[in-house]
Structures are given as C-alpha cells and as structure tokens.
Amino acid sequence: MARTGRPKAELILSDAERAALEGWVRRRSTPQAWALRCRIILACATGASNKDVAAQLGSTPHAVGRWRKRFVEHRIAGLGDLPRPGGPRTVTDEQVAAVVKRTLESAPKNATYWSTRTMAKEMGLSQSTVSRIWRAFGLQPHRTETFKLSTDPYFLDKVHDVVGLYLDPPERALVFCVDEKSQIQALDRFQPVLPMMPGVPQRLTYDFVRAGTTTLFAALEVATGKVIGSLHRRHRAEEFKKFLIKLDQEISADLDVHLVLDNYATHKTPAIKTWLVAHPRFHLHFTPTGSSWLNLVERWFAELTNKQIRRGVHKSVQALEKGIRTWIAAWNTDSKPYVWTKTADEILERLASYLNRIPNSED
C-alpha cells in the first residue's frame, strides 16, 4: 500500500547530540517538558512514525511532528520555547550569565551564600529578576545536602555480599539484619501532655526529665519482617554475646543463620569470635564502613522511634523498656518485610554517576 501523508524530513543525530539528549533524559533535575522533547527526538531518530512515537510517549502526533520539524531546522536550539509577544527584554543574556556565574563561583563577603536581595544589590538588578533567573537555572543557594562516601577498601565486595543476601538468600537459612539502638532515653515531660482537640494538635513541653537510658539489640528477619529484640542497660560485647545466645535459642537448630551487621568493635572481640567458632551455623556479613543505609534494620529503628519513642512519656527506664517490648510484640503480630529492589550493580552505577559530578580536587 502506498504511503499516505506528507513526507517527513529525515532525522539523524550526531554522536554529540545523542549524548546531550540522553544526558538530559537521565538527569533528575531536568524539567519534564524539556525531557519529553528530548525523548521525542530520540524516538524519532529510530525511524518511528509520529503516531508511533506519540503512542509510546503519551503525546500527540501533532506535537511530535512539531518538535521533529523544529529539531531538523534548528537542531537542539529548536527545542526551546519560541519568543512570545510582549514588551522588549530589559535583562540581557550577558547579565543573566553574570548572575549565574556569580551565584555558582562566589559568596558574599558577610555570608556563606547569596540571597535574592544580596545578589540583586550586587548586580544592580531587581530581586524579582534574580529570583526568576535562579528558578530558570534551578539554583537554590539557601539549600544544602549532606553526603558521606565510604572509604572501606572492600566496599564493592561487601555491597555485593549484603545485597546478594537480600535478593537471593541461601536455601535452608535465615537472613537477619542486626544492630543496636543505644542510649535510648526514658524521658518524662515537666508538665502533663495536653491531648489533641479539634483544631488544636497534641502539645508537649519542650523540656523533660531524664530517667536513664537503655539499649535495644534487634534482629530483623528479612523474609518476614519479624523482629527479635533484647534490652540491656549496657552496650558491650558481653551483651551482644547474650543476644547471639538468644538468637541461637529462638531460631530452629536445623537452619543456618546469616547476620548482616556493621563494623562496630563490639561485634569483633575475641569472645565473640570464639562463640562463633563454637556455633558454625552463624555467618556474619559486615556492611561497608559508613554505610548503615545498607542495613534494613535501620529502617525498622526509624519506625520504632517515630511511633513509640519520640512522643512517648516514660517516667522510668522500666516503663520505657516495657513500652518497647509491647510495641515489638504488636509489630510481630502483623509484620511486613522491607523489600529490597536494587541490585548491587545498580547501586554501584548510581554511586559512580554521583561521583562523576563531584569536581576533582586536583583540578
């Protein structure tokens, strides 16, 4: 059958154009409208019709045809929005570039970051103009994010080891994530808690009386989400050994036990190593240094903190421990596992892409 419709201009991408478009698609900070235009061009470059590309990307054939035509005529520059009717621009491209450069490469004399007001005063522009420029380029000088990179020389091996346990646990074995939540404080408010009322949240005094501390040793079963917990007043290898003995007693003797835990010195003392030799069914898998995010029990500790400890009122350590035991028992009656989804290779690829964005200190 003869082909109908107007012929479409052939769309061929250079290596540089393809790399730029794919980079914008992958980058999370790319505006969705721009990312969609990039996806349209990449799909059109495969030879697909406008109708097929529209169905694939949830767009319309008319929109696909428009962006195809503009790219063929103007290349990547054609994907930008065309000038709209209105008054002439009062801010030049050079001024915009100067604001962006000053924001990225310097700081004011009396502060650690620029505000819209200080930048406007510095550049001789209005505050609203600086604000619009920052929004257009995704600049937020007032915000910071923290990070920590592991320096463990065996980081790659440990990530593969731990994630492998999560995604493909060994047969006739149980996998537990183990850690300690130390120095849990029993706090009593100076004044009674005022209950929630319509239009009024629950109110607590900001100051409190400390009644003492306790330490929770916890083992989260990866398959079921159930937790085995043990409370102790101190946090030593002796208490950790008692916790291992409790695990040994509560876990069926015909199953191997794989424990995912951190590099805390308490887990590696001679007494612990001797106990492990005498109990060969226990296998320890250590997370990389500075990588507690790899241990699923940390997520469970967050649940415990948010739902039991943070807003709880405990007049004694005994009351605190009773509340924790009750909460664990309630959790185990309706436990749900945390499902790990990313493979070790996906984690390492994400980490590598993050490291590539960090400037080299030697440059």
Protein backbone atom coordinates (compact mmCIF):
# COMPACT_ATOMS: atom_id res chain seq x y z
CA MET A 1 0.00 0.00 0.00
CA ALA A 2 1.29 3.42 -0.92
CA ARG A 3 2.31 5.58 1.97
CA THR A 4 -0.04 8.50 2.67
CA GLY A 5 0.57 11.86 4.31
CA ARG A 6 3.27 14.41 3.86
CA PRO A 7 6.82 13.01 3.74
CA LYS A 8 8.83 13.58 6.91
CA ALA A 9 12.29 15.08 6.89
CA GLU A 10 14.94 12.52 7.79
CA LEU A 11 16.17 12.97 11.37
CA ILE A 12 19.75 11.82 12.01
CA LEU A 13 21.56 12.54 15.26
CA SER A 14 25.26 13.16 15.66
CA ASP A 15 27.07 11.41 18.50
CA ALA A 16 27.31 14.68 20.42
CA GLU A 17 23.61 15.44 20.00
CA ARG A 18 22.60 11.93 21.09
CA ALA A 19 24.82 12.13 24.17
CA ALA A 20 23.38 15.52 25.13
CA LEU A 21 19.77 14.40 24.69
CA GLU A 22 20.29 11.16 26.62
CA GLY A 23 22.04 13.08 29.41
CA TRP A 24 19.06 15.43 29.81
CA VAL A 25 16.67 12.48 29.89
CA ARG A 26 18.64 10.72 32.64
CA ARG A 27 19.19 13.80 34.80
CA ARG A 28 16.56 14.03 37.54
CA SER A 29 16.76 17.83 37.67
CA THR A 30 15.76 18.22 34.00
CA PRO A 31 12.32 19.91 33.63
CA GLN A 32 9.73 17.36 32.47
CA ALA A 33 8.73 19.42 29.42
CA TRP A 34 12.34 19.51 28.17
CA ALA A 35 12.87 15.81 28.96
CA LEU A 36 9.78 14.91 26.92
CA ARG A 37 11.08 16.86 23.91
CA CYS A 38 14.41 15.02 24.19
CA ARG A 39 12.63 11.65 24.33
CA ILE A 40 10.59 12.57 21.26
CA ILE A 41 13.73 13.37 19.24
CA LEU A 42 15.50 10.20 20.40
CA ALA A 43 12.46 8.11 19.43
CA CYS A 44 12.12 9.85 16.06
CA ALA A 45 15.80 9.15 15.35
CA THR A 46 15.00 5.41 15.40
CA GLY A 47 12.82 5.86 12.31
CA ALA A 48 9.48 5.52 14.11
CA SER A 49 6.47 7.43 12.79
CA ASN A 50 4.96 10.40 14.58
CA LYS A 51 1.93 8.31 15.50
CA ASP A 52 4.04 5.52 17.00
CA VAL A 53 6.23 7.96 18.94
CA ALA A 54 3.15 9.75 20.29
CA ALA A 55 1.62 6.47 21.47
CA GLN A 56 4.89 5.40 23.06
CA LEU A 57 5.47 8.66 24.97
CA GLY A 58 1.89 9.67 25.75
CA SER A 59 1.97 12.71 23.48
CA THR A 60 0.09 13.64 20.31
CA PRO A 61 1.18 13.15 16.68
CA HIS A 62 0.86 16.89 16.12
CA ALA A 63 3.26 17.68 18.98
CA VAL A 64 5.72 15.03 17.81
CA GLY A 65 5.64 16.45 14.29
CA ARG A 66 6.22 19.97 15.57
CA TRP A 67 9.31 19.05 17.60
CA ARG A 68 10.64 16.83 14.81
CA LYS A 69 10.38 19.72 12.35
CA ARG A 70 11.94 22.26 14.69
CA PHE A 71 14.84 19.94 15.50
CA VAL A 72 15.56 19.26 11.84
CA GLU A 73 15.59 23.01 11.14
CA HIS A 74 17.40 24.34 14.21
CA ARG A 75 18.86 21.20 15.90
CA ILE A 76 18.90 21.29 19.73
CA ALA A 77 18.28 25.04 19.82
CA GLY A 78 14.92 24.37 18.19
CA LEU A 79 13.66 22.52 21.25
CA GLY A 80 13.49 25.74 23.26
CA ASP A 81 10.38 27.86 23.54
CA LEU A 82 9.96 30.49 20.86
CA PRO A 83 9.82 34.16 21.87
CA ARG A 84 6.34 35.24 22.91
CA PRO A 85 4.66 38.57 22.29
CA GLY A 86 5.21 41.24 24.92
CA GLY A 87 7.49 44.09 25.86
CA PRO A 88 11.15 44.00 24.91
CA ARG A 89 13.63 42.34 27.28
CA THR A 90 15.27 44.57 29.83
CA VAL A 91 17.81 42.00 31.03
CA THR A 92 20.47 40.89 28.56
CA ASP A 93 21.94 37.41 28.15
CA GLU A 94 25.24 38.78 29.48
CA GLN A 95 23.55 39.91 32.71
CA VAL A 96 21.86 36.55 33.12
CA ALA A 97 25.18 34.75 32.60
CA ALA A 98 26.87 37.08 35.09
CA VAL A 99 24.25 36.32 37.77
CA VAL A 100 24.59 32.58 37.23
CA LYS A 101 28.39 32.72 37.30
CA ARG A 102 28.47 34.89 40.42
CA THR A 103 26.00 32.57 42.17
CA LEU A 104 27.99 29.44 41.37
CA GLU A 105 31.52 30.69 41.84
CA SER A 106 31.46 33.17 44.72
CA ALA A 107 29.87 34.09 48.04
CA PRO A 108 29.07 37.48 49.60
CA LYS A 109 31.61 39.00 51.99
CA ASN A 110 29.37 38.77 55.05
CA ALA A 111 27.61 35.43 54.44
CA THR A 112 28.16 31.91 53.19
CA TYR A 113 25.59 32.06 50.39
CA TRP A 114 23.74 34.56 48.25
CA SER A 115 20.15 35.65 48.83
CA THR A 116 18.00 37.24 46.16
CA ARG A 117 18.37 40.59 47.88
CA THR A 118 22.16 40.49 48.24
CA MET A 119 22.59 39.26 44.67
CA ALA A 120 20.23 41.94 43.34
CA LYS A 121 22.20 44.63 45.17
CA GLU A 122 25.50 43.21 43.93
CA MET A 123 24.41 43.00 40.27
CA GLY A 124 22.23 46.11 40.11
CA LEU A 125 19.07 44.15 39.29
CA SER A 126 15.72 43.76 40.97
CA GLN A 127 15.09 40.99 43.47
CA SER A 128 12.34 39.51 41.30
CA THR A 129 14.71 39.37 38.32
CA VAL A 130 17.32 37.44 40.31
CA SER A 131 14.58 35.14 41.58
CA ARG A 132 13.40 34.39 38.04
CA ILE A 133 16.95 33.70 36.84
CA TRP A 134 17.58 31.31 39.73
CA ARG A 135 14.32 29.46 39.10
CA ALA A 136 15.11 29.16 35.39
CA PHE A 137 18.52 27.58 36.11
CA GLY A 138 17.44 25.58 39.16
CA LEU A 139 19.72 27.48 41.56
CA GLN A 140 18.90 27.34 45.27
CA PRO A 141 21.83 28.81 47.24
CA HIS A 142 19.96 28.53 50.56
CA ARG A 143 19.75 24.74 50.33
CA THR A 144 22.43 22.17 51.14
CA GLU A 145 22.50 18.40 51.11
CA THR A 146 24.83 16.18 53.13
CA PHE A 147 26.58 13.04 51.96
CA LYS A 148 29.12 10.54 53.18
CA LEU A 149 31.24 8.30 50.97
CA SER A 150 32.55 5.07 52.39
CA THR A 151 36.33 4.66 52.49
CA ASP A 152 36.12 0.91 53.09
CA PRO A 153 38.72 -0.81 50.85
CA TYR A 154 36.32 -3.77 50.46
CA PHE A 155 33.28 -1.62 49.66
CA LEU A 156 32.45 -3.35 46.36
CA ASP A 157 32.73 -6.86 47.78
CA LYS A 158 30.60 -6.03 50.83
CA VAL A 159 27.85 -4.39 48.77
CA HIS A 160 27.64 -7.45 46.51
CA ASP A 161 27.66 -9.74 49.56
CA VAL A 162 24.90 -7.99 51.52
CA VAL A 163 22.64 -7.19 48.55
CA GLY A 164 23.06 -10.76 47.34
CA LEU A 165 21.66 -11.98 50.66
CA TYR A 166 18.64 -9.70 50.29
CA LEU A 167 17.82 -10.63 46.69
CA ASP A 168 18.85 -14.29 46.65
CA PRO A 169 19.04 -15.72 50.20
CA PRO A 170 20.62 -19.17 50.57
CA GLU A 171 18.44 -22.25 50.97
CA ARG A 172 17.70 -23.65 54.44
CA ALA A 173 18.93 -20.45 56.03
CA LEU A 174 17.50 -17.29 57.57
CA VAL A 175 18.89 -13.81 56.97
CA PHE A 176 18.71 -11.28 59.81
CA CYS A 177 19.70 -7.63 59.87
CA VAL A 178 21.23 -6.90 63.29
CA ASP A 179 22.13 -3.68 65.05
CA GLU A 180 21.90 -1.87 68.38
CA LYS A 181 19.92 1.25 69.16
CA SER A 182 21.95 2.52 72.08
CA GLN A 183 21.33 5.26 74.64
CA ILE A 184 17.52 5.28 74.29
CA GLN A 185 16.45 7.85 76.87
CA ALA A 186 13.49 7.45 79.21
CA LEU A 187 12.03 10.96 79.14
CA ASP A 188 9.26 12.38 81.29
CA ARG A 189 7.78 15.80 80.49
CA PHE A 190 7.89 18.50 83.14
CA GLN A 191 4.16 19.06 82.72
CA PRO A 192 1.29 16.77 81.65
CA VAL A 193 0.73 16.20 77.94
CA LEU A 194 -2.21 18.21 76.62
CA PRO A 195 -4.33 15.98 74.36
CA MET A 196 -5.32 16.77 70.81
CA MET A 197 -8.56 18.66 70.31
CA PRO A 198 -10.45 19.79 67.21
CA GLY A 199 -8.23 22.43 65.62
CA VAL A 200 -5.50 22.01 68.26
CA PRO A 201 -2.64 19.47 67.97
CA GLN A 202 -1.28 17.49 70.90
CA ARG A 203 1.01 19.68 72.99
CA LEU A 204 4.17 18.65 74.84
CA THR A 205 6.54 20.71 76.92
CA TYR A 206 9.86 21.16 75.14
CA ASP A 207 11.83 20.34 78.32
CA PHE A 208 11.89 16.99 80.06
CA VAL A 209 13.32 14.94 82.91
CA ARG A 210 15.82 12.20 82.05
CA ALA A 211 15.21 8.97 83.95
CA GLY A 212 18.03 6.88 82.43
CA THR A 213 18.90 5.01 79.25
CA THR A 214 18.66 1.53 77.78
CA THR A 215 19.99 -0.24 74.69
CA LEU A 216 17.96 -2.33 72.27
CA PHE A 217 19.60 -5.19 70.39
CA ALA A 218 17.39 -6.11 67.44
CA ALA A 219 17.44 -8.69 64.64
CA LEU A 220 15.06 -8.11 61.71
CA GLU A 221 14.22 -11.24 59.74
CA VAL A 222 14.47 -10.20 56.09
CA ALA A 223 11.94 -12.75 54.79
CA THR A 224 9.06 -11.99 57.18
CA GLY A 225 9.86 -8.65 58.84
CA LYS A 226 9.58 -10.18 62.32
CA VAL A 227 11.94 -8.81 64.97
CA ILE A 228 13.78 -10.49 67.81
CA GLY A 229 14.72 -7.89 70.41
CA SER A 230 16.67 -7.81 73.65
CA LEU A 231 17.07 -4.88 76.04
CA HIS A 232 20.19 -4.26 78.11
CA ARG A 233 21.38 -1.39 80.25
CA ARG A 234 24.89 -1.52 78.80
CA HIS A 235 26.33 -1.82 75.32
CA ARG A 236 29.30 -4.17 75.35
CA ALA A 237 30.49 -7.37 73.73
CA GLU A 238 29.10 -9.24 76.74
CA GLU A 239 25.57 -8.00 75.99
CA PHE A 240 25.99 -8.73 72.29
CA LYS A 241 27.03 -12.30 73.12
CA LYS A 242 23.89 -12.71 75.24
CA PHE A 243 21.86 -11.51 72.27
CA LEU A 244 23.54 -14.07 69.99
CA ILE A 245 22.69 -16.79 72.51
CA LYS A 246 19.05 -15.64 72.45
CA LEU A 247 19.02 -15.85 68.65
CA ASP A 248 20.51 -19.32 68.81
CA GLN A 249 17.76 -20.43 71.17
CA GLU A 250 14.86 -18.92 69.21
CA ILE A 251 15.91 -19.94 65.68
CA SER A 252 15.33 -23.52 64.57
CA ALA A 253 18.52 -25.56 65.05
CA ASP A 254 18.39 -27.07 61.52
CA LEU A 255 18.76 -23.67 59.82
CA ASP A 256 21.86 -21.65 59.07
CA VAL A 257 21.81 -18.03 60.27
CA HIS A 258 23.25 -15.14 58.26
CA LEU A 259 23.61 -11.88 60.16
CA VAL A 260 24.04 -8.52 58.39
CA LEU A 261 25.66 -6.05 60.79
CA ASP A 262 28.05 -3.11 60.93
CA ASN A 263 31.75 -2.90 61.80
CA TYR A 264 31.30 -1.88 65.44
CA ALA A 265 34.17 -3.18 67.57
CA THR A 266 31.72 -4.99 69.88
CA HIS A 267 30.94 -7.40 67.04
CA LYS A 268 34.57 -8.47 66.57
CA THR A 269 36.01 -9.09 70.03
CA PRO A 270 37.86 -12.35 70.79
CA ALA A 271 34.92 -13.52 72.92
CA ILE A 272 32.52 -13.10 70.01
CA LYS A 273 34.88 -14.82 67.58
CA THR A 274 35.25 -17.75 70.00
CA TRP A 275 31.47 -18.05 70.31
CA LEU A 276 31.07 -18.04 66.53
CA VAL A 277 33.63 -20.83 66.14
CA ALA A 278 31.57 -22.91 68.58
CA HIS A 279 28.39 -22.13 66.61
CA PRO A 280 29.34 -22.64 62.94
CA ARG A 281 25.78 -22.16 61.68
CA PHE A 282 26.13 -18.41 62.34
CA HIS A 283 27.67 -16.40 59.49
CA LEU A 284 28.45 -12.68 59.81
CA HIS A 285 28.25 -10.30 56.86
CA PHE A 286 29.57 -6.79 57.54
CA THR A 287 28.27 -3.69 55.78
CA PRO A 288 30.92 -1.28 54.44
CA THR A 289 32.21 1.36 56.83
CA GLY A 290 29.89 4.37 56.89
CA SER A 291 27.12 2.54 55.02
CA SER A 292 24.40 1.94 57.60
CA TRP A 293 21.82 2.58 54.83
CA LEU A 294 22.61 -0.95 53.63
CA ASN A 295 21.22 -2.49 56.84
CA LEU A 296 17.44 -2.91 56.71
CA VAL A 297 17.07 -2.89 60.49
CA GLU A 298 17.90 0.82 60.45
CA ARG A 299 14.59 1.41 58.66
CA TRP A 300 12.81 -0.54 61.40
CA PHE A 301 14.56 1.56 64.07
CA ALA A 302 13.08 4.64 62.38
CA GLU A 303 9.61 3.10 62.74
CA LEU A 304 10.23 2.44 66.42
CA THR A 305 11.47 5.98 67.00
CA ASN A 306 8.60 7.68 65.17
CA LYS A 307 5.77 5.57 66.54
CA GLN A 308 6.88 4.74 70.08
CA ILE A 309 9.87 6.64 71.46
CA ARG A 310 9.79 10.22 70.16
CA ARG A 311 6.40 11.23 71.56
CA GLY A 312 6.32 8.72 74.38
CA VAL A 313 6.37 9.72 78.05
CA HIS A 314 8.30 7.33 80.31
CA LYS A 315 8.84 8.04 83.98
CA SER A 316 11.44 5.28 84.37
CA VAL A 317 13.72 3.01 82.33
CA GLN A 318 11.47 0.09 83.27
CA ALA A 319 8.48 1.88 81.75
CA LEU A 320 10.46 2.63 78.60
CA GLU A 321 11.55 -0.99 78.23
CA LYS A 322 8.00 -2.23 78.80
CA GLY A 323 6.74 0.13 76.10
CA ILE A 324 9.38 -1.09 73.63
CA ARG A 325 8.62 -4.77 74.33
CA THR A 326 4.90 -4.15 73.88
CA TRP A 327 5.50 -2.33 70.60
CA ILE A 328 7.73 -5.15 69.27
CA ALA A 329 5.10 -7.73 70.19
CA ALA A 330 2.42 -5.72 68.36
CA TRP A 331 4.73 -5.34 65.34
CA ASN A 332 5.33 -9.09 65.15
CA THR A 333 1.60 -9.88 65.12
CA ASP A 334 1.29 -8.07 61.77
CA SER A 335 4.84 -7.79 60.50
CA LYS A 336 5.65 -6.89 56.91
CA PRO A 337 9.07 -7.31 55.32
CA TYR A 338 11.02 -4.47 53.75
CA VAL A 339 11.53 -5.40 50.11
CA TRP A 340 14.98 -4.62 48.69
CA THR A 341 14.68 -3.84 44.97
CA LYS A 342 18.03 -2.55 43.64
CA THR A 343 20.81 -4.90 42.61
CA ALA A 344 24.40 -4.31 43.66
CA ASP A 345 25.30 -3.27 40.11
CA GLU A 346 22.50 -0.68 40.06
CA ILE A 347 23.69 0.74 43.40
CA LEU A 348 27.29 0.97 42.24
CA GLU A 349 26.26 2.52 38.90
CA ARG A 350 24.25 5.17 40.75
CA LEU A 351 27.20 5.86 43.04
CA ALA A 352 29.56 6.15 40.08
CA SER A 353 27.29 8.69 38.37
CA TYR A 354 27.20 10.71 41.59
CA LEU A 355 30.99 10.66 41.92
CA ASN A 356 31.35 11.86 38.34
CA ARG A 357 29.51 15.05 39.30
CA ILE A 358 31.97 15.88 42.11
CA PRO A 359 34.76 18.20 40.91
CA ASN A 360 38.25 16.78 41.08
CA SER A 361 40.12 18.48 43.94
CA GLU A 362 43.31 18.45 41.83
CA ASP A 363 41.74 20.48 39.02
